[in-house]
Amino acid sequence: MAGDTGNGLSRQDKLWALAAVIPFLVSLAVLGIAINRGTFLEFAIGWPLIQALFYLGAIKQAGGAIDHPLVKTQVMLHWMMLALLIAIIARAT
């Protein structure tokens, strides 16, 4: 891992991990809201599942390196998905 001194994750690794966790937590919140309201369920169920599977697959392919370009691409894709979700919600209100 880039900048890893053997004492755990580097600062850059921690930032990329945090960047991956934020959309995942938002997707879980969206799932809770969707279940409560009974709408948007397909997206709300699929998004966290896709994130979990794709993050695991990307990290496996990257050999566990969080700062690998494949993992970074997954993180950016889910941030774009979050931006699209916000645009959809803003347009609907």
PDB file of N, CA and C in Angstrom:
ATOM      1  N   MET A   1       0.839  -1.177   0.000  1.00  0.00           N
ATOM      2  CA  MET A   1       0.000   0.000   0.000  1.00  0.00           C
ATOM      3  C   MET A   1       0.879   1.234   0.000  1.00  0.00           C
ATOM      4  N   ALA A   2       0.433   2.258  -0.670  1.00  0.00           N
ATOM      5  CA  ALA A   2       1.231   3.467  -0.786  1.00  0.00           C
ATOM      6  C   ALA A   2       1.423   4.122   0.578  1.00  0.00           C
ATOM      7  N   GLY A   3       2.654   4.385   0.906  1.00  0.00           N
ATOM      8  CA  GLY A   3       2.947   5.065   2.147  1.00  0.00           C
ATOM      9  C   GLY A   3       2.786   4.206   3.386  1.00  0.00           C
ATOM     10  N   ASP A   4       2.595   2.912   3.222  1.00  0.00           N
ATOM     11  CA  ASP A   4       2.390   2.039   4.368  1.00  0.00           C
ATOM     12  C   ASP A   4       3.736   1.736   5.010  1.00  0.00           C
ATOM     13  N   THR A   5       3.845   1.981   6.287  1.00  0.00           N
ATOM     14  CA  THR A   5       5.086   1.742   7.012  1.00  0.00           C
ATOM     15  C   THR A   5       5.038   0.456   7.808  1.00  0.00           C
ATOM     16  N   GLY A   6       3.998  -0.342   7.617  1.00  0.00           N
ATOM     17  CA  GLY A   6       3.868  -1.578   8.366  1.00  0.00           C
ATOM     18  C   GLY A   6       3.091  -1.406   9.656  1.00  0.00           C
ATOM     19  N   ASN A   7       2.696  -0.178   9.964  1.00  0.00           N
ATOM     20  CA  ASN A   7       1.973   0.103  11.207  1.00  0.00           C
ATOM     21  C   ASN A   7       0.476   0.258  10.977  1.00  0.00           C
ATOM     22  N   GLY A   8      -0.037  -0.305   9.913  1.00  0.00           N
ATOM     23  CA  GLY A   8      -1.465  -0.163   9.617  1.00  0.00           C
ATOM     24  C   GLY A   8      -1.663   0.600   8.322  1.00  0.00           C
ATOM     25  N   LEU A   9      -2.816   1.218   8.198  1.00  0.00           N
ATOM     26  CA  LEU A   9      -3.148   1.945   6.985  1.00  0.00           C
ATOM     27  C   LEU A   9      -2.504   3.324   6.975  1.00  0.00           C
ATOM     28  N   SER A  10      -2.106   3.762   5.783  1.00  0.00           N
ATOM     29  CA  SER A  10      -1.564   5.105   5.640  1.00  0.00           C
ATOM     30  C   SER A  10      -2.704   6.110   5.686  1.00  0.00           C
ATOM     31  N   ARG A  11      -2.370   7.368   5.771  1.00  0.00           N
ATOM     32  CA  ARG A  11      -3.390   8.424   5.815  1.00  0.00           C
ATOM     33  C   ARG A  11      -4.215   8.409   4.528  1.00  0.00           C
ATOM     34  N   GLN A  12      -3.555   8.216   3.392  1.00  0.00           N
ATOM     35  CA  GLN A  12      -4.262   8.177   2.111  1.00  0.00           C
ATOM     36  C   GLN A  12      -5.223   6.990   2.068  1.00  0.00           C
ATOM     37  N   ASP A  13      -4.790   5.845   2.558  1.00  0.00           N
ATOM     38  CA  ASP A  13      -5.667   4.665   2.613  1.00  0.00           C
ATOM     39  C   ASP A  13      -6.889   4.935   3.483  1.00  0.00           C
ATOM     40  N   LYS A  14      -6.683   5.589   4.612  1.00  0.00           N
ATOM     41  CA  LYS A  14      -7.798   5.905   5.502  1.00  0.00           C
ATOM     42  C   LYS A  14      -8.788   6.858   4.838  1.00  0.00           C
ATOM     43  N   LEU A  15      -8.276   7.832   4.092  1.00  0.00           N
ATOM     44  CA  LEU A  15      -9.167   8.770   3.400  1.00  0.00           C
ATOM     45  C   LEU A  15      -9.983   8.065   2.318  1.00  0.00           C
ATOM     46  N   TRP A  16      -9.348   7.156   1.565  1.00  0.00           N
ATOM     47  CA  TRP A  16     -10.087   6.417   0.534  1.00  0.00           C
ATOM     48  C   TRP A  16     -11.107   5.475   1.174  1.00  0.00           C
ATOM     49  N   ALA A  17     -10.755   4.891   2.296  1.00  0.00           N
ATOM     50  CA  ALA A  17     -11.714   4.028   2.995  1.00  0.00           C
ATOM     51  C   ALA A  17     -12.900   4.852   3.498  1.00  0.00           C
ATOM     52  N   LEU A  18     -12.639   6.034   4.031  1.00  0.00           N
ATOM     53  CA  LEU A  18     -13.717   6.913   4.473  1.00  0.00           C
ATOM     54  C   LEU A  18     -14.586   7.336   3.286  1.00  0.00           C
ATOM     55  N   ALA A  19     -13.943   7.636   2.165  1.00  0.00           N
ATOM     56  CA  ALA A  19     -14.687   8.021   0.962  1.00  0.00           C
ATOM     57  C   ALA A  19     -15.563   6.872   0.467  1.00  0.00           C
ATOM     58  N   ALA A  20     -15.179   5.642   0.719  1.00  0.00           N
ATOM     59  CA  ALA A  20     -15.988   4.485   0.328  1.00  0.00           C
ATOM     60  C   ALA A  20     -17.131   4.252   1.304  1.00  0.00           C
ATOM     61  N   VAL A  21     -16.908   4.549   2.563  1.00  0.00           N
ATOM     62  CA  VAL A  21     -17.910   4.278   3.589  1.00  0.00           C
ATOM     63  C   VAL A  21     -19.079   5.258   3.519  1.00  0.00           C
ATOM     64  N   ILE A  22     -18.815   6.510   3.176  1.00  0.00           N
ATOM     65  CA  ILE A  22     -19.873   7.525   3.183  1.00  0.00           C
ATOM     66  C   ILE A  22     -21.023   7.156   2.246  1.00  0.00           C
ATOM     67  N   PRO A  23     -20.777   6.851   0.947  1.00  0.00           N
ATOM     68  CA  PRO A  23     -21.913   6.473   0.103  1.00  0.00           C
ATOM     69  C   PRO A  23     -22.596   5.183   0.567  1.00  0.00           C
ATOM     70  N   PHE A  24     -21.841   4.275   1.155  1.00  0.00           N
ATOM     71  CA  PHE A  24     -22.440   3.040   1.645  1.00  0.00           C
ATOM     72  C   PHE A  24     -23.408   3.326   2.785  1.00  0.00           C
ATOM     73  N   LEU A  25     -23.011   4.177   3.715  1.00  0.00           N
ATOM     74  CA  LEU A  25     -23.892   4.521   4.820  1.00  0.00           C
ATOM     75  C   LEU A  25     -25.123   5.286   4.324  1.00  0.00           C
ATOM     76  N   VAL A  26     -24.924   6.151   3.339  1.00  0.00           N
ATOM     77  CA  VAL A  26     -26.069   6.864   2.752  1.00  0.00           C
ATOM     78  C   VAL A  26     -27.017   5.867   2.098  1.00  0.00           C
ATOM     79  N   SER A  27     -26.457   4.857   1.430  1.00  0.00           N
ATOM     80  CA  SER A  27     -27.315   3.863   0.778  1.00  0.00           C
ATOM     81  C   SER A  27     -28.124   3.072   1.800  1.00  0.00           C
ATOM     82  N   LEU A  28     -27.555   2.824   2.961  1.00  0.00           N
ATOM     83  CA  LEU A  28     -28.310   2.149   4.019  1.00  0.00           C
ATOM     84  C   LEU A  28     -29.417   3.049   4.562  1.00  0.00           C
ATOM     85  N   ALA A  29     -29.138   4.347   4.666  1.00  0.00           N
ATOM     86  CA  ALA A  29     -30.174   5.290   5.100  1.00  0.00           C
ATOM     87  C   ALA A  29     -31.295   5.362   4.069  1.00  0.00           C
ATOM     88  N   VAL A  30     -30.925   5.385   2.785  1.00  0.00           N
ATOM     89  CA  VAL A  30     -31.931   5.398   1.714  1.00  0.00           C
ATOM     90  C   VAL A  30     -32.767   4.121   1.777  1.00  0.00           C
ATOM     91  N   LEU A  31     -32.139   3.004   2.066  1.00  0.00           N
ATOM     92  CA  LEU A  31     -32.868   1.746   2.199  1.00  0.00           C
ATOM     93  C   LEU A  31     -33.885   1.826   3.335  1.00  0.00           C
ATOM     94  N   GLY A  32     -33.493   2.371   4.467  1.00  0.00           N
ATOM     95  CA  GLY A  32     -34.418   2.518   5.584  1.00  0.00           C
ATOM     96  C   GLY A  32     -35.596   3.415   5.242  1.00  0.00           C
ATOM     97  N   ILE A  33     -35.316   4.516   4.569  1.00  0.00           N
ATOM     98  CA  ILE A  33     -36.382   5.438   4.169  1.00  0.00           C
ATOM     99  C   ILE A  33     -37.302   4.770   3.158  1.00  0.00           C
ATOM    100  N   ALA A  34     -36.711   4.063   2.194  1.00  0.00           N
ATOM    101  CA  ALA A  34     -37.520   3.397   1.159  1.00  0.00           C
ATOM    102  C   ALA A  34     -38.411   2.316   1.762  1.00  0.00           C
ATOM    103  N   ILE A  35     -37.899   1.554   2.698  1.00  0.00           N
ATOM    104  CA  ILE A  35     -38.713   0.521   3.344  1.00  0.00           C
ATOM    105  C   ILE A  35     -39.844   1.170   4.130  1.00  0.00           C
ATOM    106  N   ASN A  36     -39.538   2.257   4.807  1.00  0.00           N
ATOM    107  CA  ASN A  36     -40.554   2.963   5.593  1.00  0.00           C
ATOM    108  C   ASN A  36     -41.663   3.514   4.706  1.00  0.00           C
ATOM    109  N   ARG A  37     -41.293   4.071   3.560  1.00  0.00           N
ATOM    110  CA  ARG A  37     -42.276   4.686   2.667  1.00  0.00           C
ATOM    111  C   ARG A  37     -42.860   3.710   1.654  1.00  0.00           C
ATOM    112  N   GLY A  38     -42.172   2.616   1.408  1.00  0.00           N
ATOM    113  CA  GLY A  38     -42.649   1.631   0.446  1.00  0.00           C
ATOM    114  C   GLY A  38     -42.437   2.028  -1.002  1.00  0.00           C
ATOM    115  N   THR A  39     -41.531   2.971  -1.249  1.00  0.00           N
ATOM    116  CA  THR A  39     -41.229   3.398  -2.613  1.00  0.00           C
ATOM    117  C   THR A  39     -39.729   3.322  -2.861  1.00  0.00           C
ATOM    118  N   PHE A  40     -39.369   3.249  -4.131  1.00  0.00           N
ATOM    119  CA  PHE A  40     -37.951   3.288  -4.530  1.00  0.00           C
ATOM    120  C   PHE A  40     -37.188   2.072  -4.001  1.00  0.00           C
ATOM    121  N   LEU A  41     -37.916   0.977  -3.739  1.00  0.00           N
ATOM    122  CA  LEU A  41     -37.326  -0.188  -3.088  1.00  0.00           C
ATOM    123  C   LEU A  41     -36.268  -0.896  -3.939  1.00  0.00           C
ATOM    124  N   GLU A  42     -36.502  -0.998  -5.246  1.00  0.00           N
ATOM    125  CA  GLU A  42     -35.545  -1.728  -6.087  1.00  0.00           C
ATOM    126  C   GLU A  42     -34.167  -1.078  -6.027  1.00  0.00           C
ATOM    127  N   PHE A  43     -34.144   0.232  -6.179  1.00  0.00           N
ATOM    128  CA  PHE A  43     -32.870   0.947  -6.105  1.00  0.00           C
ATOM    129  C   PHE A  43     -32.274   0.848  -4.712  1.00  0.00           C
ATOM    130  N   ALA A  44     -33.110   1.064  -3.714  1.00  0.00           N
ATOM    131  CA  ALA A  44     -32.633   1.096  -2.334  1.00  0.00           C
ATOM    132  C   ALA A  44     -32.070  -0.248  -1.875  1.00  0.00           C
ATOM    133  N   ILE A  45     -32.607  -1.337  -2.397  1.00  0.00           N
ATOM    134  CA  ILE A  45     -32.079  -2.661  -2.062  1.00  0.00           C
ATOM    135  C   ILE A  45     -30.823  -2.963  -2.884  1.00  0.00           C
ATOM    136  N   GLY A  46     -30.843  -2.599  -4.138  1.00  0.00           N
ATOM    137  CA  GLY A  46     -29.742  -2.929  -5.039  1.00  0.00           C
ATOM    138  C   GLY A  46     -28.468  -2.158  -4.794  1.00  0.00           C
ATOM    139  N   TRP A  47     -28.584  -0.884  -4.461  1.00  0.00           N
ATOM    140  CA  TRP A  47     -27.382  -0.062  -4.341  1.00  0.00           C
ATOM    141  C   TRP A  47     -26.420  -0.545  -3.250  1.00  0.00           C
ATOM    142  N   PRO A  48     -26.869  -0.819  -2.023  1.00  0.00           N
ATOM    143  CA  PRO A  48     -25.904  -1.320  -1.039  1.00  0.00           C
ATOM    144  C   PRO A  48     -25.344  -2.701  -1.398  1.00  0.00           C
ATOM    145  N   LEU A  49     -26.170  -3.545  -2.022  1.00  0.00           N
ATOM    146  CA  LEU A  49     -25.668  -4.857  -2.441  1.00  0.00           C
ATOM    147  C   LEU A  49     -24.584  -4.716  -3.506  1.00  0.00           C
ATOM    148  N   ILE A  50     -24.837  -3.861  -4.479  1.00  0.00           N
ATOM    149  CA  ILE A  50     -23.845  -3.635  -5.529  1.00  0.00           C
ATOM    150  C   ILE A  50     -22.558  -3.077  -4.939  1.00  0.00           C
ATOM    151  N   GLN A  51     -22.696  -2.128  -4.022  1.00  0.00           N
ATOM    152  CA  GLN A  51     -21.499  -1.555  -3.404  1.00  0.00           C
ATOM    153  C   GLN A  51     -20.688  -2.627  -2.679  1.00  0.00           C
ATOM    154  N   ALA A  52     -21.359  -3.419  -1.870  1.00  0.00           N
ATOM    155  CA  ALA A  52     -20.647  -4.442  -1.100  1.00  0.00           C
ATOM    156  C   ALA A  52     -19.938  -5.425  -2.023  1.00  0.00           C
ATOM    157  N   LEU A  53     -20.642  -5.917  -3.025  1.00  0.00           N
ATOM    158  CA  LEU A  53     -20.035  -6.884  -3.936  1.00  0.00           C
ATOM    159  C   LEU A  53     -18.893  -6.282  -4.749  1.00  0.00           C
ATOM    160  N   PHE A  54     -19.100  -5.082  -5.260  1.00  0.00           N
ATOM    161  CA  PHE A  54     -18.081  -4.461  -6.100  1.00  0.00           C
ATOM    162  C   PHE A  54     -16.866  -4.025  -5.295  1.00  0.00           C
ATOM    163  N   TYR A  55     -17.077  -3.494  -4.088  1.00  0.00           N
ATOM    164  CA  TYR A  55     -15.930  -3.129  -3.252  1.00  0.00           C
ATOM    165  C   TYR A  55     -15.110  -4.368  -2.900  1.00  0.00           C
ATOM    166  N   LEU A  56     -15.785  -5.436  -2.515  1.00  0.00           N
ATOM    167  CA  LEU A  56     -15.067  -6.666  -2.178  1.00  0.00           C
ATOM    168  C   LEU A  56     -14.304  -7.207  -3.385  1.00  0.00           C
ATOM    169  N   GLY A  57     -14.956  -7.207  -4.538  1.00  0.00           N
ATOM    170  CA  GLY A  57     -14.298  -7.677  -5.751  1.00  0.00           C
ATOM    171  C   GLY A  57     -13.114  -6.820  -6.145  1.00  0.00           C
ATOM    172  N   ALA A  58     -13.267  -5.503  -6.041  1.00  0.00           N
ATOM    173  CA  ALA A  58     -12.179  -4.597  -6.406  1.00  0.00           C
ATOM    174  C   ALA A  58     -10.995  -4.750  -5.459  1.00  0.00           C
ATOM    175  N   ILE A  59     -11.276  -4.859  -4.169  1.00  0.00           N
ATOM    176  CA  ILE A  59     -10.186  -5.012  -3.199  1.00  0.00           C
ATOM    177  C   ILE A  59      -9.492  -6.357  -3.389  1.00  0.00           C
ATOM    178  N   LYS A  60     -10.270  -7.390  -3.714  1.00  0.00           N
ATOM    179  CA  LYS A  60      -9.666  -8.699  -3.968  1.00  0.00           C
ATOM    180  C   LYS A  60      -8.764  -8.644  -5.200  1.00  0.00           C
ATOM    181  N   GLN A  61      -9.252  -8.023  -6.269  1.00  0.00           N
ATOM    182  CA  GLN A  61      -8.451  -7.904  -7.499  1.00  0.00           C
ATOM    183  C   GLN A  61      -7.214  -7.032  -7.279  1.00  0.00           C
ATOM    184  N   ALA A  62      -7.316  -6.056  -6.378  1.00  0.00           N
ATOM    185  CA  ALA A  62      -6.208  -5.148  -6.110  1.00  0.00           C
ATOM    186  C   ALA A  62      -5.224  -5.723  -5.098  1.00  0.00           C
ATOM    187  N   GLY A  63      -5.458  -6.918  -4.651  1.00  0.00           N
ATOM    188  CA  GLY A  63      -4.563  -7.544  -3.683  1.00  0.00           C
ATOM    189  C   GLY A  63      -4.622  -6.898  -2.307  1.00  0.00           C
ATOM    190  N   GLY A  64      -5.775  -6.321  -1.974  1.00  0.00           N
ATOM    191  CA  GLY A  64      -5.946  -5.709  -0.659  1.00  0.00           C
ATOM    192  C   GLY A  64      -5.511  -4.264  -0.573  1.00  0.00           C
ATOM    193  N   ALA A  65      -5.034  -3.703  -1.667  1.00  0.00           N
ATOM    194  CA  ALA A  65      -4.565  -2.312  -1.664  1.00  0.00           C
ATOM    195  C   ALA A  65      -5.741  -1.361  -1.847  1.00  0.00           C
ATOM    196  N   ILE A  66      -6.019  -0.582  -0.837  1.00  0.00           N
ATOM    197  CA  ILE A  66      -7.137   0.351  -0.898  1.00  0.00           C
ATOM    198  C   ILE A  66      -6.855   1.477  -1.876  1.00  0.00           C
ATOM    199  N   ASP A  67      -5.587   1.862  -2.031  1.00  0.00           N
ATOM    200  CA  ASP A  67      -5.259   2.966  -2.925  1.00  0.00           C
ATOM    201  C   ASP A  67      -5.026   2.524  -4.376  1.00  0.00           C
ATOM    202  N   HIS A  68      -5.455   1.323  -4.711  1.00  0.00           N
ATOM    203  CA  HIS A  68      -5.346   0.815  -6.084  1.00  0.00           C
ATOM    204  C   HIS A  68      -6.342   1.559  -6.982  1.00  0.00           C
ATOM    205  N   PRO A  69      -5.975   1.822  -8.248  1.00  0.00           N
ATOM    206  CA  PRO A  69      -6.889   2.540  -9.152  1.00  0.00           C
ATOM    207  C   PRO A  69      -8.254   1.866  -9.318  1.00  0.00           C
ATOM    208  N   LEU A  70      -8.320   0.560  -9.261  1.00  0.00           N
ATOM    209  CA  LEU A  70      -9.599  -0.139  -9.386  1.00  0.00           C
ATOM    210  C   LEU A  70     -10.525   0.185  -8.210  1.00  0.00           C
ATOM    211  N   VAL A  71      -9.981   0.220  -7.019  1.00  0.00           N
ATOM    212  CA  VAL A  71     -10.766   0.545  -5.839  1.00  0.00           C
ATOM    213  C   VAL A  71     -11.180   2.015  -5.878  1.00  0.00           C
ATOM    214  N   LYS A  72     -10.268   2.886  -6.276  1.00  0.00           N
ATOM    215  CA  LYS A  72     -10.580   4.309  -6.373  1.00  0.00           C
ATOM    216  C   LYS A  72     -11.692   4.551  -7.390  1.00  0.00           C
ATOM    217  N   THR A  73     -11.671   3.794  -8.483  1.00  0.00           N
ATOM    218  CA  THR A  73     -12.728   3.922  -9.485  1.00  0.00           C
ATOM    219  C   THR A  73     -14.077   3.533  -8.901  1.00  0.00           C
ATOM    220  N   GLN A  74     -14.117   2.468  -8.127  1.00  0.00           N
ATOM    221  CA  GLN A  74     -15.367   2.053  -7.484  1.00  0.00           C
ATOM    222  C   GLN A  74     -15.881   3.148  -6.548  1.00  0.00           C
ATOM    223  N   VAL A  75     -14.983   3.742  -5.793  1.00  0.00           N
ATOM    224  CA  VAL A  75     -15.370   4.802  -4.864  1.00  0.00           C
ATOM    225  C   VAL A  75     -15.962   5.978  -5.649  1.00  0.00           C
ATOM    226  N   MET A  76     -15.298   6.390  -6.711  1.00  0.00           N
ATOM    227  CA  MET A  76     -15.784   7.521  -7.498  1.00  0.00           C
ATOM    228  C   MET A  76     -17.117   7.209  -8.179  1.00  0.00           C
ATOM    229  N   LEU A  77     -17.305   5.981  -8.639  1.00  0.00           N
ATOM    230  CA  LEU A  77     -18.582   5.601  -9.245  1.00  0.00           C
ATOM    231  C   LEU A  77     -19.735   5.725  -8.249  1.00  0.00           C
ATOM    232  N   HIS A  78     -19.496   5.336  -7.017  1.00  0.00           N
ATOM    233  CA  HIS A  78     -20.561   5.422  -6.024  1.00  0.00           C
ATOM    234  C   HIS A  78     -20.798   6.861  -5.573  1.00  0.00           C
ATOM    235  N   TRP A  79     -19.774   7.708  -5.621  1.00  0.00           N
ATOM    236  CA  TRP A  79     -19.995   9.134  -5.359  1.00  0.00           C
ATOM    237  C   TRP A  79     -20.821   9.755  -6.486  1.00  0.00           C
ATOM    238  N   MET A  80     -20.577   9.322  -7.720  1.00  0.00           N
ATOM    239  CA  MET A  80     -21.399   9.810  -8.834  1.00  0.00           C
ATOM    240  C   MET A  80     -22.842   9.346  -8.665  1.00  0.00           C
ATOM    241  N   MET A  81     -23.032   8.112  -8.216  1.00  0.00           N
ATOM    242  CA  MET A  81     -24.370   7.602  -7.968  1.00  0.00           C
ATOM    243  C   MET A  81     -25.060   8.424  -6.889  1.00  0.00           C
ATOM    244  N   LEU A  82     -24.335   8.790  -5.865  1.00  0.00           N
ATOM    245  CA  LEU A  82     -24.878   9.631  -4.805  1.00  0.00           C
ATOM    246  C   LEU A  82     -25.281  10.997  -5.358  1.00  0.00           C
ATOM    247  N   ALA A  83     -24.457  11.562  -6.232  1.00  0.00           N
ATOM    248  CA  ALA A  83     -24.787  12.850  -6.843  1.00  0.00           C
ATOM    249  C   ALA A  83     -26.044  12.734  -7.701  1.00  0.00           C
ATOM    250  N   LEU A  84     -26.178  11.648  -8.445  1.00  0.00           N
ATOM    251  CA  LEU A  84     -27.385  11.440  -9.251  1.00  0.00           C
ATOM    252  C   LEU A  84     -28.619  11.277  -8.367  1.00  0.00           C
ATOM    253  N   LEU A  85     -28.483  10.568  -7.277  1.00  0.00           N
ATOM    254  CA  LEU A  85     -29.594  10.402  -6.351  1.00  0.00           C
ATOM    255  C   LEU A  85     -30.032  11.748  -5.777  1.00  0.00           C
ATOM    256  N   ILE A  86     -29.081  12.567  -5.416  1.00  0.00           N
ATOM    257  CA  ILE A  86     -29.400  13.895  -4.901  1.00  0.00           C
ATOM    258  C   ILE A  86     -30.101  14.728  -5.961  1.00  0.00           C
ATOM    259  N   ALA A  87     -29.643  14.630  -7.217  1.00  0.00           N
ATOM    260  CA  ALA A  87     -30.291  15.365  -8.308  1.00  0.00           C
ATOM    261  C   ALA A  87     -31.729  14.890  -8.518  1.00  0.00           C
ATOM    262  N   ILE A  88     -31.950  13.590  -8.417  1.00  0.00           N
ATOM    263  CA  ILE A  88     -33.312  13.043  -8.584  1.00  0.00           C
ATOM    264  C   ILE A  88     -34.219  13.547  -7.462  1.00  0.00           C
ATOM    265  N   ILE A  89     -33.723  13.510  -6.245  1.00  0.00           N
ATOM    266  CA  ILE A  89     -34.527  13.958  -5.110  1.00  0.00           C
ATOM    267  C   ILE A  89     -34.790  15.464  -5.189  1.00  0.00           C
ATOM    268  N   ALA A  90     -33.782  16.230  -5.580  1.00  0.00           N
ATOM    269  CA  ALA A  90     -33.951  17.684  -5.697  1.00  0.00           C
ATOM    270  C   ALA A  90     -34.963  18.028  -6.790  1.00  0.00           C
ATOM    271  N   ARG A  91     -34.942  17.276  -7.871  1.00  0.00           N
ATOM    272  CA  ARG A  91     -35.862  17.522  -8.981  1.00  0.00           C
ATOM    273  C   ARG A  91     -37.294  17.152  -8.584  1.00  0.00           C
ATOM    274  N   ALA A  92     -37.451  16.140  -7.742  1.00  0.00           N
ATOM    275  CA  ALA A  92     -38.782  15.673  -7.351  1.00  0.00           C
ATOM    276  C   ALA A  92     -39.451  16.596  -6.348  1.00  0.00           C
ATOM    277  N   THR A  93     -38.677  17.396  -5.632  1.00  0.00           N
ATOM    278  CA  THR A  93     -39.279  18.264  -4.611  1.00  0.00           C
ATOM    279  C   THR A  93     -39.571  19.651  -5.126  1.00  0.00           C
TER     280      THR A  93
END
